Amino acid sequence: MEKLFREKQMIRTVILLAAGLIFPRPSFCGEHYRIEPGQSAVNFSVKHMVLSTVRGKFTDFSGSLDLEENDLTKSSVTVKINAASIITENTLRDKDLRSPNFLDTEKYPEITFVSRRVVKQNDGYLLVGDLNMHGVSKEVDIPVTYNGRVKDLAGKMRIGFEGHVTINRKEWGITYSKVADNGGLVAANEVTIELDIEAMSMPVKSEDHIDQK
């Protein structure tokens, strides 16, 4: 019985080794970059009572990129945002945005984005990934422009991206729907997110990445 067990284990090991040779795991051959918050921006805008556009931003965020310069479709990105860092330069409004009426930041302290794939599209790219906000994860498509890379004065490589996407906040369970006298929503459902990202090359670190489950 013990001999039969050892033979089965040996056969299993051989099969696994053979599978590894036939179907090798893909390796990433590009460069690792960390997003530089001081040189980047995560902004948003939303209509207020149909009369004006409120603009704001998140001031606390981090993330990393794995860049394949020769084929950007093999690249990936992860971003983590502190939801409570939202500001619109209006103290009462910012407090409301952090409350259960909107982001409910005590219950949902983080907003994350993890890319699934990058698709070449005309003169730019489409960044496809999961946006997790307010306890809901949904796939979004973000048109992005790659601005290239340069070496800074310290000899580090830096890269830049720009992107924008309009989402419907109700799809993430943010359903605040008070109506003004003119019939328009106090806060529109559509929110436009604008990204202006600069990242610096460096060795990959586990804390720079968000686990993909």
Protein backbone atom coordinates (compact mmCIF):
# COMPACT_ATOMS: atom_id res chain seq x y z
CA MET A 1 0.00 0.00 0.00
CA GLU A 2 2.81 2.41 0.92
CA LYS A 3 4.64 1.59 -2.31
CA LEU A 4 1.48 2.28 -4.32
CA PHE A 5 1.07 5.62 -2.52
CA ARG A 6 4.66 6.65 -3.32
CA GLU A 7 4.16 5.69 -6.98
CA LYS A 8 1.00 7.79 -7.19
CA GLN A 9 2.80 10.76 -5.62
CA MET A 10 5.67 10.39 -8.09
CA ILE A 11 3.25 10.25 -11.04
CA ARG A 12 1.47 13.37 -9.76
CA THR A 13 4.78 15.23 -9.42
CA VAL A 14 5.80 14.29 -12.96
CA ILE A 15 2.45 15.48 -14.31
CA LEU A 16 2.76 18.83 -12.51
CA LEU A 17 6.33 19.34 -13.76
CA ALA A 18 5.27 18.50 -17.29
CA ALA A 19 2.35 20.91 -17.08
CA GLY A 20 4.73 23.63 -15.95
CA LEU A 21 6.94 23.04 -18.99
CA ILE A 22 4.04 22.93 -21.45
CA PHE A 23 2.05 25.78 -19.92
CA PRO A 24 4.59 28.06 -18.22
CA ARG A 25 3.25 30.83 -16.01
CA PRO A 26 3.45 34.21 -17.74
CA SER A 27 6.17 36.45 -16.38
CA PHE A 28 6.13 40.23 -16.26
CA CYS A 29 9.14 41.72 -18.04
CA GLY A 30 8.29 45.40 -17.70
CA GLU A 31 8.97 48.04 -15.05
CA HIS A 32 7.33 48.74 -11.71
CA TYR A 33 6.15 52.26 -10.87
CA ARG A 34 4.65 53.89 -7.80
CA ILE A 35 2.10 56.67 -8.16
CA GLU A 36 3.40 60.01 -6.89
CA PRO A 37 0.43 61.71 -5.12
CA GLY A 38 2.22 65.07 -4.99
CA GLN A 39 2.43 65.11 -8.79
CA SER A 40 -0.94 63.45 -9.48
CA ALA A 41 -4.63 64.29 -9.10
CA VAL A 42 -7.89 62.39 -8.69
CA ASN A 43 -10.61 64.95 -9.42
CA PHE A 44 -14.36 64.74 -9.93
CA SER A 45 -17.25 66.94 -10.98
CA VAL A 46 -21.03 66.71 -10.58
CA LYS A 47 -23.97 68.95 -11.43
CA HIS A 48 -25.63 70.78 -8.53
CA MET A 49 -29.40 71.45 -8.94
CA VAL A 50 -28.79 71.53 -12.73
CA LEU A 51 -27.48 75.07 -12.22
CA SER A 52 -23.77 74.68 -11.63
CA THR A 53 -20.94 72.18 -11.58
CA VAL A 54 -19.36 71.26 -8.26
CA ARG A 55 -15.73 70.22 -8.55
CA GLY A 56 -13.73 68.34 -5.96
CA LYS A 57 -10.88 65.93 -5.42
CA PHE A 58 -9.43 63.21 -3.22
CA THR A 59 -6.24 64.26 -1.49
CA ASP A 60 -5.08 60.91 -0.07
CA PHE A 61 -4.42 58.09 -2.53
CA SER A 62 -1.72 55.63 -3.56
CA GLY A 63 -1.11 52.95 -6.12
CA SER A 64 1.27 51.21 -8.46
CA LEU A 65 1.67 50.38 -12.13
CA ASP A 66 3.38 47.53 -13.92
CA LEU A 67 4.32 49.02 -17.27
CA GLU A 68 5.25 47.06 -20.39
CA GLU A 69 6.66 49.87 -22.51
CA ASN A 70 6.76 47.85 -25.74
CA ASP A 71 3.16 46.64 -25.36
CA LEU A 72 1.02 48.72 -23.02
CA THR A 73 -1.81 46.19 -23.26
CA LYS A 74 0.28 43.96 -20.97
CA SER A 75 0.40 46.65 -18.27
CA SER A 76 -1.66 46.84 -15.09
CA VAL A 77 -2.54 49.33 -12.37
CA THR A 78 -3.93 49.32 -8.82
CA VAL A 79 -5.16 52.38 -6.93
CA LYS A 80 -6.34 52.88 -3.35
CA ILE A 81 -8.14 56.06 -2.24
CA ASN A 82 -8.96 57.23 1.26
CA ALA A 83 -12.65 58.05 0.80
CA ALA A 84 -12.68 60.51 3.71
CA SER A 85 -10.08 62.65 1.93
CA ILE A 86 -12.78 64.02 -0.39
CA ILE A 87 -12.90 67.83 -0.49
CA THR A 88 -14.90 70.40 -2.47
CA GLU A 89 -13.76 73.50 -0.54
CA ASN A 90 -17.14 73.58 1.26
CA THR A 91 -16.99 72.25 4.83
CA LEU A 92 -20.71 71.44 5.21
CA ARG A 93 -20.90 69.79 1.81
CA ASP A 94 -17.74 67.76 2.45
CA LYS A 95 -19.21 66.53 5.74
CA ASP A 96 -22.36 65.48 3.88
CA LEU A 97 -20.35 63.68 1.20
CA ARG A 98 -18.60 61.65 3.92
CA SER A 99 -21.90 60.84 5.63
CA PRO A 100 -24.26 57.89 4.96
CA ASN A 101 -26.07 60.15 2.44
CA PHE A 102 -23.19 59.58 0.03
CA LEU A 103 -19.86 57.77 0.57
CA ASP A 104 -20.47 56.69 4.19
CA THR A 105 -16.74 56.76 4.81
CA GLU A 106 -16.86 55.32 8.32
CA LYS A 107 -18.43 52.13 6.96
CA TYR A 108 -16.59 52.15 3.62
CA PRO A 109 -13.23 53.88 4.25
CA GLU A 110 -11.54 52.91 0.97
CA ILE A 111 -12.21 53.22 -2.74
CA THR A 112 -10.11 50.89 -4.89
CA PHE A 113 -9.51 50.26 -8.55
CA VAL A 114 -7.80 47.13 -9.87
CA SER A 115 -7.28 46.79 -13.61
CA ARG A 116 -8.29 43.65 -15.49
CA ARG A 117 -6.87 44.50 -18.90
CA VAL A 118 -5.67 47.32 -21.14
CA VAL A 119 -7.13 47.58 -24.64
CA LYS A 120 -5.63 49.57 -27.54
CA GLN A 121 -8.23 51.99 -28.85
CA ASN A 122 -7.63 54.43 -31.71
CA ASP A 123 -4.97 56.91 -30.52
CA GLY A 124 -5.26 55.89 -26.87
CA TYR A 125 -6.11 52.99 -24.59
CA LEU A 126 -9.04 51.67 -22.62
CA LEU A 127 -8.27 50.74 -19.02
CA VAL A 128 -10.78 48.11 -17.90
CA GLY A 129 -11.01 47.23 -14.24
CA ASP A 130 -13.05 46.86 -11.06
CA LEU A 131 -14.03 50.00 -9.17
CA ASN A 132 -14.93 49.14 -5.58
CA MET A 133 -16.79 51.94 -3.83
CA HIS A 134 -19.45 52.10 -1.11
CA GLY A 135 -19.28 48.32 -0.73
CA VAL A 136 -20.05 47.65 -4.39
CA SER A 137 -17.60 46.44 -7.05
CA LYS A 138 -18.39 47.08 -10.72
CA GLU A 139 -16.34 46.94 -13.88
CA VAL A 140 -15.64 50.29 -15.55
CA ASP A 141 -13.95 51.31 -18.80
CA ILE A 142 -11.64 54.30 -18.50
CA PRO A 143 -10.27 55.91 -21.69
CA VAL A 144 -6.66 56.87 -20.99
CA THR A 145 -3.82 58.64 -22.77
CA TYR A 146 -0.22 57.59 -22.15
CA ASN A 147 1.97 60.70 -22.01
CA GLY A 148 5.24 58.80 -22.24
CA ARG A 149 8.20 58.56 -19.87
CA VAL A 150 11.26 60.65 -19.00
CA LYS A 151 14.24 60.36 -16.67
CA ASP A 152 14.19 62.86 -13.80
CA LEU A 153 17.19 64.69 -12.34
CA ALA A 154 17.78 61.86 -9.86
CA GLY A 155 17.99 59.30 -12.65
CA LYS A 156 14.55 57.77 -11.93
CA MET A 157 12.15 57.03 -14.77
CA ARG A 158 8.79 58.75 -14.59
CA ILE A 159 5.63 58.09 -16.61
CA GLY A 160 2.37 59.96 -17.03
CA PHE A 161 -1.25 59.08 -17.80
CA GLU A 162 -4.46 61.01 -18.17
CA GLY A 163 -7.94 59.53 -18.10
CA HIS A 164 -11.59 60.30 -17.47
CA VAL A 165 -14.81 58.38 -17.00
CA THR A 166 -18.42 59.23 -16.12
CA ILE A 167 -20.22 56.88 -13.74
CA ASN A 168 -23.73 56.71 -12.31
CA ARG A 169 -23.35 56.79 -8.52
CA LYS A 170 -26.63 54.88 -8.05
CA GLU A 171 -24.96 51.79 -9.52
CA TRP A 172 -22.70 51.82 -6.43
CA GLY A 173 -25.63 52.15 -4.05
CA ILE A 174 -25.30 55.92 -3.50
CA THR A 175 -28.96 56.82 -3.97
CA TYR A 176 -29.39 60.27 -2.40
CA SER A 177 -32.20 61.80 -4.45
CA LYS A 178 -33.50 65.07 -3.01
CA VAL A 179 -35.06 67.28 -5.68
CA ALA A 180 -34.80 71.08 -5.93
CA ASP A 181 -37.71 73.43 -6.76
CA ASN A 182 -36.76 73.39 -10.44
CA GLY A 183 -37.24 69.62 -10.58
CA GLY A 184 -33.55 68.83 -10.83
CA LEU A 185 -31.64 66.63 -8.42
CA VAL A 186 -29.72 68.51 -5.74
CA ALA A 187 -26.79 66.25 -6.66
CA ALA A 188 -26.85 64.67 -10.12
CA ASN A 189 -26.44 60.91 -10.51
CA GLU A 190 -23.67 61.25 -13.09
CA VAL A 191 -20.22 61.88 -11.70
CA THR A 192 -17.24 62.56 -13.95
CA ILE A 193 -13.88 61.37 -12.63
CA GLU A 194 -10.68 62.87 -14.05
CA LEU A 195 -7.27 61.31 -13.51
CA ASP A 196 -3.89 62.95 -13.98
CA ILE A 197 -1.27 60.43 -12.89
CA GLU A 198 2.51 60.60 -12.61
CA ALA A 199 4.43 57.58 -11.34
CA MET A 200 8.09 56.91 -10.54
CA SER A 201 10.00 53.69 -11.20
CA MET A 202 11.13 51.55 -8.28
CA PRO A 203 11.44 47.94 -7.13
CA VAL A 204 8.05 46.31 -6.53
CA LYS A 205 6.85 46.15 -2.93
CA SER A 206 3.96 44.08 -1.66
CA GLU A 207 2.32 47.05 0.05
CA ASP A 208 2.12 48.89 -3.28
CA HIS A 209 -0.32 46.31 -4.60
CA ILE A 210 -3.91 45.48 -3.81
CA ASP A 211 -4.74 41.78 -3.63
CA GLN A 212 -6.80 40.62 -6.56
CA LYS A 213 -9.31 38.01 -5.38
